[in-house]
Amino acid sequence: MGIEGNEWGFRVGILPKGPLDKISDVSGVTVGHCTLADGAVQTGVTALLPHPGDIYHEKVVAASHVINGYGKTTGLVQVEELGTLETPILFTNTLSVGTAQTALVKYMLARNPDICETTGSVNPVVCECNDSNLNDIRGLHVTEDNVFAALADCRADFAEGAVGAGRGMRCHSLKGGIGSASRVVELDGKPYTIGALVLSNHSTFEELVVAGTPIHSLLGGKLPSHEDKGSIITVLATDIPLSQRQLRRLCHRALVGLSRTGSHCGNGSGEIVLAFTTANRVPHYSDKALLPMTVLHDDAINPLFRAVAECVEESVLSSLLHAETVTGYHGRTVPCLTELLQQRDRVPSPEEGK
């Protein structure tokens, strides 16, 4: 349940959290995983369903933003052109994007017999990060069945850390992966939710800041340095009625949360953000030329910007605090933040002190 109540007293932001402190606090949003963890194979698939209905025929308004474009995400061109999302969102490793895209197409065809028959095509959205440090990525171990398993596993109370697509990911030189958080804002006397989910695989240990504290100084040492060539995928969801333009403005604020954790978005890193609202649905078919849509007044958007910054910052930290140490490809081991913090706080036994 987020990082609230952690034994080290980390607290991110001031806004209230949702009951699960996850992106699924936005009603209808669910997330599922298929994790592959066997020796040199440390990878997987994560799936996000924007709502439990027919996403193709009930599209959600969406937008995206590329902070640094070293990435291979599919589907964003159409999202930006039309302003809608019409499939689940998949996450996997870089070289498995093609497999995941094919599986997602099959998933959508099975549920929508009109695609490419009596109507147009479908725009599958697949996001990736490179897990080749811990995973035998060249082995192409992710299968279409793994994608179907992740989609079938979608639920509100999902796991975080080294699971699904996050299994082989490395964040700030530590074990990263899947992290999530949510915040609640009040508009016209009614509570609304903003949530974030990240696939973290970016930045370096020396840069990591946890709740305002540089972690390398807190731990009294550092890990072997490496160049920042990783990536982070961020998905934002909300039940606030927003336009595509406003959702894109939320995407821009994800960088605030990433910066608070110490990231400077290196040259070889891919920082890509996708946002959607479940409030404004766009029907695939309509008898009417004009569609009603409610949107937030821009003068009321500042609390949303704060919520995004807090959610993204906490999601990165949640991916670190929920992950465990993993040993994978070529025997490489990436330690987890929790164990390092426990080692710092552990009191040596009398025998160890001799």
Protein backbone atom coordinates (compact mmCIF):
# COMPACT_ATOMS: atom_id res chain seq x y z
CA MET A 1 0.00 0.00 0.00
CA GLY A 2 2.30 2.75 -1.27
CA ILE A 3 5.14 3.73 1.07
CA GLU A 4 2.96 5.12 3.84
CA GLY A 5 3.80 3.64 7.23
CA ASN A 6 7.28 2.51 6.16
CA GLU A 7 9.67 2.02 9.05
CA TRP A 8 12.04 4.76 7.88
CA GLY A 9 9.45 7.52 8.11
CA PHE A 10 9.50 8.55 4.46
CA ARG A 11 6.57 10.77 3.55
CA VAL A 12 5.97 12.31 0.14
CA GLY A 13 3.91 15.45 -0.22
CA ILE A 14 0.94 16.85 1.68
CA LEU A 15 -2.13 15.79 -0.28
CA PRO A 16 -4.34 12.94 0.98
CA LYS A 17 -3.86 9.51 -0.60
CA GLY A 18 -6.46 7.10 -1.97
CA PRO A 19 -7.31 3.95 0.03
CA LEU A 20 -4.80 1.74 -1.84
CA ASP A 21 -2.36 4.54 -2.67
CA LYS A 22 -2.20 3.14 -6.21
CA ILE A 23 -3.33 4.18 -9.67
CA SER A 24 -6.27 1.79 -9.21
CA ASP A 25 -7.80 4.21 -6.71
CA VAL A 26 -9.15 5.76 -9.91
CA SER A 27 -12.30 3.66 -10.12
CA GLY A 28 -12.19 0.97 -12.82
CA VAL A 29 -8.43 1.06 -13.40
CA THR A 30 -6.74 -2.31 -12.85
CA VAL A 31 -3.22 -3.67 -13.29
CA GLY A 32 -1.91 -7.22 -13.82
CA HIS A 33 1.46 -8.94 -14.12
CA CYS A 34 3.13 -11.98 -15.58
CA THR A 35 6.59 -12.42 -14.04
CA LEU A 36 9.40 -14.54 -15.49
CA ALA A 37 12.07 -15.20 -12.83
CA ASP A 38 14.33 -18.13 -13.62
CA GLY A 39 18.11 -17.72 -13.57
CA ALA A 40 19.16 -15.57 -16.52
CA VAL A 41 15.52 -14.87 -17.39
CA GLN A 42 14.34 -11.94 -15.28
CA THR A 43 11.61 -10.12 -17.18
CA GLY A 44 7.87 -10.08 -17.74
CA VAL A 45 4.75 -8.19 -18.79
CA THR A 46 2.54 -5.72 -16.98
CA ALA A 47 -0.90 -4.72 -18.27
CA LEU A 48 -3.14 -1.79 -17.34
CA LEU A 49 -6.87 -1.68 -18.12
CA PRO A 50 -8.29 1.88 -18.14
CA HIS A 51 -11.79 0.64 -17.34
CA PRO A 52 -13.62 -2.72 -17.17
CA GLY A 53 -15.78 -2.12 -20.24
CA ASP A 54 -15.11 -2.29 -23.97
CA ILE A 55 -12.20 0.12 -24.32
CA TYR A 56 -12.33 0.06 -28.13
CA HIS A 57 -15.96 1.16 -28.31
CA GLU A 58 -15.72 3.35 -25.19
CA LYS A 59 -12.42 5.13 -25.66
CA VAL A 60 -10.93 7.36 -22.99
CA VAL A 61 -9.51 10.81 -23.64
CA ALA A 62 -5.70 10.58 -23.51
CA ALA A 63 -2.49 12.48 -24.16
CA SER A 64 1.23 11.80 -24.07
CA HIS A 65 4.47 13.66 -23.64
CA VAL A 66 8.04 12.65 -24.45
CA ILE A 67 10.50 14.19 -21.97
CA ASN A 68 13.50 12.41 -23.50
CA GLY A 69 12.79 10.19 -26.46
CA TYR A 70 15.23 7.30 -26.20
CA GLY A 71 12.45 4.71 -26.37
CA LYS A 72 10.45 2.32 -28.52
CA THR A 73 6.90 2.89 -27.29
CA THR A 74 4.16 2.09 -29.83
CA GLY A 75 0.84 3.84 -30.41
CA LEU A 76 1.64 7.34 -29.20
CA VAL A 77 1.40 8.94 -32.65
CA GLN A 78 -2.31 8.14 -32.90
CA VAL A 79 -2.92 9.02 -29.25
CA GLU A 80 -1.51 12.46 -29.94
CA GLU A 81 -3.44 12.88 -33.20
CA LEU A 82 -6.87 11.71 -32.02
CA GLY A 83 -6.60 12.26 -28.29
CA THR A 84 -7.98 8.87 -27.31
CA LEU A 85 -6.81 5.53 -25.93
CA GLU A 86 -8.60 2.44 -27.29
CA THR A 87 -6.62 -0.53 -25.90
CA PRO A 88 -5.10 -1.61 -22.62
CA ILE A 89 -1.57 -0.35 -21.98
CA LEU A 90 1.20 -2.95 -21.94
CA PHE A 91 4.68 -2.75 -20.44
CA THR A 92 7.57 -5.13 -21.20
CA ASN A 93 11.26 -5.18 -22.11
CA THR A 94 12.64 -3.40 -25.19
CA LEU A 95 13.04 -6.40 -27.50
CA SER A 96 9.62 -7.85 -26.61
CA VAL A 97 7.57 -4.89 -27.83
CA GLY A 98 6.74 -6.66 -31.10
CA THR A 99 5.52 -9.80 -29.34
CA ALA A 100 3.44 -7.76 -26.91
CA GLN A 101 1.94 -5.69 -29.72
CA THR A 102 0.92 -8.79 -31.69
CA ALA A 103 -0.64 -10.33 -28.58
CA LEU A 104 -2.53 -7.13 -27.80
CA VAL A 105 -3.84 -7.00 -31.37
CA LYS A 106 -5.10 -10.58 -31.01
CA TYR A 107 -6.67 -9.69 -27.65
CA MET A 108 -8.53 -6.78 -29.25
CA LEU A 109 -9.58 -8.74 -32.38
CA ALA A 110 -11.08 -11.47 -30.22
CA ARG A 111 -13.27 -8.90 -28.46
CA ASN A 112 -14.09 -6.68 -31.44
CA PRO A 113 -15.12 -8.52 -34.63
CA ASP A 114 -15.73 -5.21 -36.40
CA ILE A 115 -12.02 -4.19 -36.40
CA CYS A 116 -10.72 -4.12 -40.01
CA GLU A 117 -14.04 -5.56 -41.21
CA THR A 118 -16.74 -2.93 -40.86
CA THR A 119 -14.61 -0.27 -39.17
CA GLY A 120 -11.00 0.89 -38.98
CA SER A 121 -7.90 -0.57 -37.41
CA VAL A 122 -6.81 -0.64 -33.77
CA ASN A 123 -3.99 1.27 -32.08
CA PRO A 124 -2.16 -0.98 -29.56
CA VAL A 125 -0.11 0.90 -26.95
CA VAL A 126 3.01 -0.89 -25.70
CA CYS A 127 5.70 0.70 -23.52
CA GLU A 128 9.19 -0.61 -22.80
CA CYS A 129 12.37 -0.31 -20.78
CA ASN A 130 15.66 -2.15 -21.32
CA ASP A 131 16.24 -4.87 -18.69
CA SER A 132 19.37 -6.37 -20.30
CA ASN A 133 21.52 -5.89 -17.20
CA LEU A 134 19.59 -8.55 -15.28
CA ASN A 135 17.73 -10.32 -18.09
CA ASP A 136 18.84 -12.35 -21.10
CA ILE A 137 16.96 -9.92 -23.32
CA ARG A 138 18.38 -11.39 -26.55
CA GLY A 139 16.69 -14.69 -25.71
CA LEU A 140 13.27 -13.14 -26.44
CA HIS A 141 11.69 -15.06 -23.59
CA VAL A 142 8.42 -13.10 -23.40
CA THR A 143 5.61 -14.91 -25.23
CA GLU A 144 2.11 -13.97 -26.30
CA ASP A 145 0.77 -16.25 -23.57
CA ASN A 146 2.66 -14.14 -21.01
CA VAL A 147 0.82 -11.08 -22.33
CA PHE A 148 -2.55 -12.82 -22.10
CA ALA A 149 -1.69 -13.91 -18.55
CA ALA A 150 -0.90 -10.33 -17.49
CA LEU A 151 -4.16 -9.08 -19.00
CA ALA A 152 -6.10 -11.82 -17.21
CA ASP A 153 -4.40 -10.93 -13.91
CA CYS A 154 -5.59 -7.31 -13.83
CA ARG A 155 -6.93 -6.27 -10.43
CA ALA A 156 -7.18 -3.19 -8.20
CA ASP A 157 -4.82 -4.39 -5.44
CA PHE A 158 -1.85 -5.33 -7.60
CA ALA A 159 1.75 -6.04 -6.62
CA GLU A 160 4.60 -3.54 -6.90
CA GLY A 161 8.36 -3.86 -7.14
CA ALA A 162 10.27 -6.53 -9.06
CA VAL A 163 7.17 -7.98 -10.74
CA GLY A 164 5.86 -8.19 -14.29
CA ALA A 165 7.69 -5.88 -16.66
CA GLY A 166 9.59 -4.54 -13.65
CA ARG A 167 11.28 -7.83 -12.82
CA GLY A 168 14.63 -7.02 -14.48
CA MET A 169 14.61 -3.24 -14.13
CA ARG A 170 17.26 -1.19 -12.31
CA CYS A 171 16.42 2.22 -10.84
CA HIS A 172 19.12 4.55 -9.47
CA SER A 173 21.48 1.51 -9.58
CA LEU A 174 19.12 -0.32 -7.20
CA LYS A 175 16.35 -2.80 -7.88
CA GLY A 176 13.44 -0.94 -9.40
CA GLY A 177 10.36 -1.95 -11.34
CA ILE A 178 6.67 -1.22 -10.83
CA GLY A 179 5.62 1.55 -8.47
CA SER A 180 2.35 3.36 -7.95
CA ALA A 181 0.68 6.06 -5.86
CA SER A 182 -2.47 8.18 -5.76
CA ARG A 183 -3.67 11.53 -4.46
CA VAL A 184 -7.14 12.96 -3.78
CA VAL A 185 -8.12 16.53 -4.66
CA GLU A 186 -11.39 18.33 -4.03
CA LEU A 187 -13.20 20.18 -6.80
CA ASP A 188 -16.57 21.88 -6.27
CA GLY A 189 -16.89 20.07 -2.94
CA LYS A 190 -16.39 16.61 -4.46
CA PRO A 191 -13.31 14.34 -4.11
CA TYR A 192 -11.47 13.23 -7.24
CA THR A 193 -8.44 10.99 -7.68
CA ILE A 194 -5.21 11.19 -9.62
CA GLY A 195 -2.97 8.11 -9.78
CA ALA A 196 0.39 7.24 -11.26
CA LEU A 197 2.12 4.02 -12.24
CA VAL A 198 5.79 3.85 -13.24
CA LEU A 199 8.10 1.29 -14.78
CA SER A 200 11.37 2.57 -13.30
CA ASN A 201 14.71 1.76 -14.93
CA HIS A 202 16.55 5.08 -14.85
CA SER A 203 19.17 7.32 -13.25
CA THR A 204 22.12 6.61 -10.91
CA PHE A 205 22.69 5.90 -7.22
CA GLU A 206 24.58 9.15 -6.64
CA GLU A 207 21.53 11.14 -7.78
CA LEU A 208 18.87 9.33 -5.69
CA VAL A 209 16.96 11.55 -3.28
CA VAL A 210 14.40 10.00 -0.91
CA ALA A 211 11.95 12.44 0.66
CA GLY A 212 14.49 15.25 0.34
CA THR A 213 17.48 13.21 1.61
CA PRO A 214 20.39 12.26 -0.71
CA ILE A 215 20.44 8.51 -0.20
CA HIS A 216 24.16 7.95 -0.85
CA SER A 217 25.05 10.18 2.11
CA LEU A 218 22.38 8.55 4.28
CA LEU A 219 23.88 5.11 3.60
CA GLY A 220 27.45 6.28 3.96
CA GLY A 221 28.69 4.90 0.68
CA LYS A 222 27.85 4.30 -2.94
CA LEU A 223 27.33 1.57 -5.48
CA PRO A 224 29.48 1.17 -8.61
CA SER A 225 28.57 4.05 -10.89
CA HIS A 226 27.15 3.61 -14.36
CA GLU A 227 26.03 5.95 -17.11
CA ASP A 228 22.37 6.92 -17.07
CA LYS A 229 21.07 4.94 -20.05
CA GLY A 230 17.88 3.64 -18.51
CA SER A 231 14.29 4.75 -18.94
CA ILE A 232 11.09 5.33 -17.03
CA ILE A 233 7.55 4.98 -18.29
CA THR A 234 4.91 6.94 -16.39
CA VAL A 235 1.15 6.50 -16.76
CA LEU A 236 -1.24 8.96 -15.13
CA ALA A 237 -4.93 8.25 -14.62
CA THR A 238 -7.72 10.39 -13.22
CA ASP A 239 -11.48 10.53 -12.88
CA ILE A 240 -11.47 14.31 -13.35
CA PRO A 241 -13.05 15.42 -16.64
CA LEU A 242 -10.16 16.86 -18.64
CA SER A 243 -9.43 17.68 -22.26
CA GLN A 244 -6.49 16.24 -24.15
CA ARG A 245 -4.71 19.57 -23.78
CA GLN A 246 -5.15 19.50 -20.01
CA LEU A 247 -3.99 15.89 -19.80
CA ARG A 248 -0.85 16.85 -21.71
CA ARG A 249 -0.25 19.59 -19.17
CA LEU A 250 -0.40 16.94 -16.44
CA CYS A 251 2.12 14.86 -18.38
CA HIS A 252 4.55 17.78 -18.35
CA ARG A 253 4.41 17.86 -14.53
CA ALA A 254 5.65 14.27 -14.25
CA LEU A 255 9.14 15.72 -14.67
CA VAL A 256 8.71 17.55 -11.35
CA GLY A 257 8.26 14.24 -9.54
CA LEU A 258 11.20 12.64 -11.36
CA SER A 259 13.40 15.61 -10.51
CA ARG A 260 12.51 15.37 -6.83
CA THR A 261 13.95 11.84 -6.78
CA GLY A 262 17.18 13.12 -8.33
CA SER A 263 16.79 12.25 -12.01
CA HIS A 264 18.18 14.61 -14.64
CA CYS A 265 16.93 12.56 -17.62
CA GLY A 266 20.18 11.50 -19.26
CA ASN A 267 20.92 11.48 -22.98
CA GLY A 268 20.39 7.73 -23.34
CA SER A 269 17.32 7.57 -21.13
CA GLY A 270 13.71 7.41 -22.27
CA GLU A 271 11.22 9.37 -20.16
CA ILE A 272 7.76 8.93 -21.66
CA VAL A 273 4.45 9.91 -20.04
CA LEU A 274 0.91 8.85 -20.96
CA ALA A 275 -2.19 10.24 -19.25
CA PHE A 276 -5.90 9.47 -19.53
CA THR A 277 -9.18 10.32 -17.84
CA THR A 278 -11.97 7.84 -17.22
CA ALA A 279 -14.51 10.68 -16.98
CA ASN A 280 -14.72 11.66 -20.63
CA ARG A 281 -15.56 8.67 -22.82
CA VAL A 282 -15.55 8.86 -26.61
CA PRO A 283 -17.84 6.36 -28.36
CA HIS A 284 -16.43 4.59 -31.40
CA TYR A 285 -19.82 4.90 -33.08
CA SER A 286 -22.19 7.83 -32.65
CA ASP A 287 -25.45 8.91 -34.27
CA LYS A 288 -24.72 12.47 -33.22
CA ALA A 289 -22.15 14.75 -34.80
CA LEU A 290 -21.67 16.74 -31.59
CA LEU A 291 -20.61 15.02 -28.38
CA PRO A 292 -21.05 16.57 -24.92
CA MET A 293 -17.91 16.87 -22.82
CA THR A 294 -17.23 18.47 -19.44
CA VAL A 295 -13.79 19.90 -18.74
CA LEU A 296 -12.05 21.49 -15.80
CA HIS A 297 -11.60 25.25 -15.71
CA ASP A 298 -7.86 25.94 -16.10
CA ASP A 299 -7.89 28.24 -13.08
CA ALA A 300 -8.63 25.15 -10.93
CA ILE A 301 -5.80 22.98 -12.28
CA ASN A 302 -2.99 23.82 -9.82
CA PRO A 303 -3.95 21.13 -7.25
CA LEU A 304 -3.77 18.58 -10.06
CA PHE A 305 -0.21 19.64 -10.90
CA ARG A 306 0.77 19.13 -7.25
CA ALA A 307 -0.95 15.76 -7.20
CA VAL A 308 0.97 14.57 -10.28
CA ALA A 309 4.30 15.67 -8.82
CA GLU A 310 3.60 13.88 -5.53
CA CYS A 311 2.28 10.73 -7.24
CA VAL A 312 5.23 10.37 -9.58
CA GLU A 313 7.81 11.01 -6.85
CA GLU A 314 6.19 8.45 -4.55
CA SER A 315 5.72 5.93 -7.37
CA VAL A 316 9.46 5.91 -8.08
CA LEU A 317 10.23 5.43 -4.38
CA SER A 318 7.52 2.77 -4.10
CA SER A 319 9.10 0.80 -6.95
CA LEU A 320 12.37 0.83 -4.98
CA LEU A 321 10.95 0.05 -1.54
CA HIS A 322 8.77 -2.82 -2.77
CA ALA A 323 11.50 -4.52 -4.83
CA GLU A 324 13.76 -7.28 -3.57
CA THR A 325 17.39 -7.98 -4.48
CA VAL A 326 17.58 -9.92 -7.76
CA THR A 327 20.38 -12.00 -9.27
CA GLY A 328 20.04 -12.69 -12.97
CA TYR A 329 21.92 -12.71 -16.27
CA HIS A 330 25.65 -13.50 -16.01
CA GLY A 331 25.19 -13.77 -12.25
CA ARG A 332 24.73 -10.01 -11.90
CA THR A 333 23.05 -8.91 -8.69
CA VAL A 334 21.19 -5.65 -8.15
CA PRO A 335 20.53 -4.88 -4.46
CA CYS A 336 17.30 -3.42 -3.18
CA LEU A 337 16.96 -0.20 -1.21
CA THR A 338 15.16 -1.89 1.68
CA GLU A 339 18.07 -4.22 2.44
CA LEU A 340 20.57 -1.36 2.30
CA LEU A 341 18.48 0.65 4.74
CA GLN A 342 18.14 -2.35 7.04
CA GLN A 343 21.91 -2.87 6.99
CA ARG A 344 22.41 0.76 7.92
CA ASP A 345 20.01 0.52 10.87
CA ARG A 346 21.08 -2.93 12.07
CA VAL A 347 22.94 -2.96 15.39
CA PRO A 348 26.03 -5.25 15.23
CA SER A 349 25.99 -8.24 17.55
CA PRO A 350 28.66 -8.50 20.26
CA GLU A 351 30.46 -11.12 18.19
CA GLU A 352 30.47 -8.86 15.11
CA GLY A 353 31.89 -6.05 17.19
CA LYS A 354 35.00 -7.98 18.19
